[in-house]
Protein backbone atom coordinates (compact mmCIF):
# COMPACT_ATOMS: atom_id res chain seq x y z
CA MET A 1 -0.03 0.19 0.03
CA SER A 2 1.60 3.41 -0.58
CA GLU A 3 1.83 6.20 1.68
CA PRO A 4 -0.89 8.75 1.50
CA THR A 5 0.16 11.88 -0.06
CA ALA A 6 0.09 15.46 1.76
CA HIS A 7 -2.86 17.50 0.97
CA HIS A 8 -3.17 20.19 -1.55
CA HIS A 9 -5.54 22.46 -3.64
CA ASP A 10 -5.87 20.94 -6.90
CA ASP A 11 -8.17 23.16 -8.32
CA GLU A 12 -8.14 27.02 -7.79
CA ASP A 13 -11.54 27.47 -8.73
CA THR A 14 -13.11 25.04 -6.92
CA GLY A 15 -11.13 23.84 -3.89
CA ALA A 16 -10.01 19.89 -3.81
CA TYR A 17 -8.13 17.51 -1.52
CA ARG A 18 -6.53 14.29 -1.89
CA GLY A 19 -4.21 12.83 0.91
CA PRO A 20 -4.95 11.18 4.09
CA ALA A 21 -8.29 11.68 6.23
CA ASP A 22 -10.02 9.92 9.38
CA VAL A 23 -12.91 8.15 8.11
CA THR A 24 -15.80 6.78 10.63
CA VAL A 25 -18.53 4.71 9.99
CA GLY A 26 -20.93 4.18 12.88
CA ALA A 27 -18.58 2.87 15.51
CA ALA A 28 -15.67 2.42 13.20
CA HIS A 29 -12.68 3.97 12.26
CA ALA A 30 -9.73 4.09 9.63
CA THR A 31 -7.15 6.31 8.17
CA VAL A 32 -7.43 6.24 4.12
CA ASP A 33 -6.41 7.95 1.43
CA ILE A 34 -9.10 9.99 -0.28
CA GLN A 35 -9.78 12.28 -3.16
CA LEU A 36 -12.56 15.17 -2.87
CA SER A 37 -13.14 17.65 -5.27
CA GLY A 38 -16.31 20.33 -5.31
CA HIS A 39 -17.43 23.76 -6.74
CA PHE A 40 -19.95 26.26 -5.93
CA ASP A 41 -23.62 25.68 -7.30
CA PRO A 42 -25.44 28.69 -7.50
CA ILE A 43 -29.13 27.09 -8.24
CA LEU A 44 -28.35 24.95 -4.38
CA GLY A 45 -27.14 28.12 -3.26
CA ARG A 46 -24.37 25.83 -1.64
CA HIS A 47 -21.10 24.08 -2.51
CA VAL A 48 -21.70 20.80 -3.57
CA TRP A 49 -18.41 18.12 -3.11
CA ARG A 50 -17.73 14.73 -4.39
CA GLY A 51 -15.06 12.15 -3.74
CA ARG A 52 -13.37 8.70 -3.50
CA LEU A 53 -12.27 6.61 0.01
CA ARG A 54 -9.44 4.25 -1.38
CA GLY A 55 -8.83 0.90 0.75
CA LEU A 56 -11.86 1.98 3.10
CA ALA A 57 -13.24 -1.74 3.09
CA ALA A 58 -9.87 -3.12 3.98
CA ALA A 59 -8.90 -0.52 6.74
CA LEU A 60 -12.25 -0.86 8.53
CA PRO A 61 -13.43 -3.79 10.78
CA ALA A 62 -15.00 -6.69 8.75
CA GLY A 63 -18.57 -6.57 8.44
CA THR A 64 -18.48 -2.87 8.73
CA PRO A 65 -21.63 -1.55 6.61
CA LEU A 66 -20.70 0.21 3.67
CA GLY A 67 -23.23 -0.21 1.27
CA SER A 68 -24.81 2.61 -0.83
CA GLY A 69 -26.58 5.53 1.50
CA THR A 70 -24.16 4.74 4.34
CA ASP A 71 -23.27 8.12 5.88
CA VAL A 72 -19.43 8.62 6.65
CA THR A 73 -17.63 11.41 8.57
CA ILE A 74 -14.45 12.57 6.92
CA THR A 75 -11.95 14.32 9.02
CA VAL A 76 -8.78 15.97 7.24
CA THR A 77 -6.16 17.41 9.24
CA THR A 78 -4.79 20.90 7.95
CA ASP A 79 -2.28 23.34 8.99
CA ASP A 80 -5.49 25.26 10.38
CA GLY A 81 -6.78 22.49 12.38
CA GLU A 82 -9.37 19.62 11.82
CA LEU A 83 -12.05 19.93 8.99
CA THR A 84 -14.78 17.48 9.49
CA ALA A 85 -17.69 16.91 7.26
CA THR A 86 -20.36 14.47 6.66
CA ALA A 87 -20.74 12.32 3.47
CA ARG A 88 -22.93 9.45 2.03
CA ILE A 89 -21.33 6.34 -0.04
CA THR A 90 -23.14 6.19 -3.50
CA GLU A 91 -21.39 3.62 -4.96
CA VAL A 92 -18.35 1.52 -5.08
CA ASP A 93 -15.97 2.03 -8.25
CA LEU A 94 -14.19 -0.62 -10.42
CA TRP A 95 -11.24 -0.61 -8.06
CA GLY A 96 -12.77 -0.82 -4.97
CA SER A 97 -12.94 2.89 -3.82
CA HIS A 98 -15.99 4.06 -2.16
CA MET A 99 -17.42 7.07 -3.73
CA VAL A 100 -19.16 9.62 -1.66
CA ASP A 101 -21.38 12.62 -2.07
CA GLY A 102 -21.06 15.46 0.23
CA THR A 103 -23.86 16.55 2.49
CA SER A 104 -22.48 19.22 4.39
CA THR A 105 -19.69 22.00 4.15
CA PRO A 106 -16.55 19.65 2.58
CA PRO A 107 -13.78 18.98 4.77
CA TYR A 108 -11.28 20.81 2.84
CA ARG A 109 -10.65 24.91 2.62
CA THR A 110 -12.64 26.45 -0.37
CA ILE A 111 -12.27 29.55 -2.38
CA SER A 112 -14.77 30.90 -0.53
CA ASP A 113 -13.07 30.50 2.51
CA ASP A 114 -9.68 31.70 1.11
CA ALA A 115 -11.74 35.05 0.32
CA SER A 116 -13.19 35.58 3.80
CA ASP A 117 -9.67 35.71 5.38
CA ASP A 118 -8.59 38.96 3.25
């Protein structure tokens, strides 16, 4: 298994994160490599995001429910502290990664977050 990569912003227009994160499903907890990205949706009036959790099934105890619709909590540790968000598993991709859709503010800084610092 490869080492998790350090976090970075991939897209200056939308914000993104790739790197290690703590993922909690029910009472089970693991640290896995994730890749998340999103954008501000003016129709919904909020930031929408989606991502991939790599190696989640192998990192959690056997029998942990990971089906479509399962809620997960994702915590990313940054230089600014911890950012936590809730997402829902939508599917498993061809490589066995769990795909998630964000249901709250994303666990990474967005461009609007950066603008508010000015």
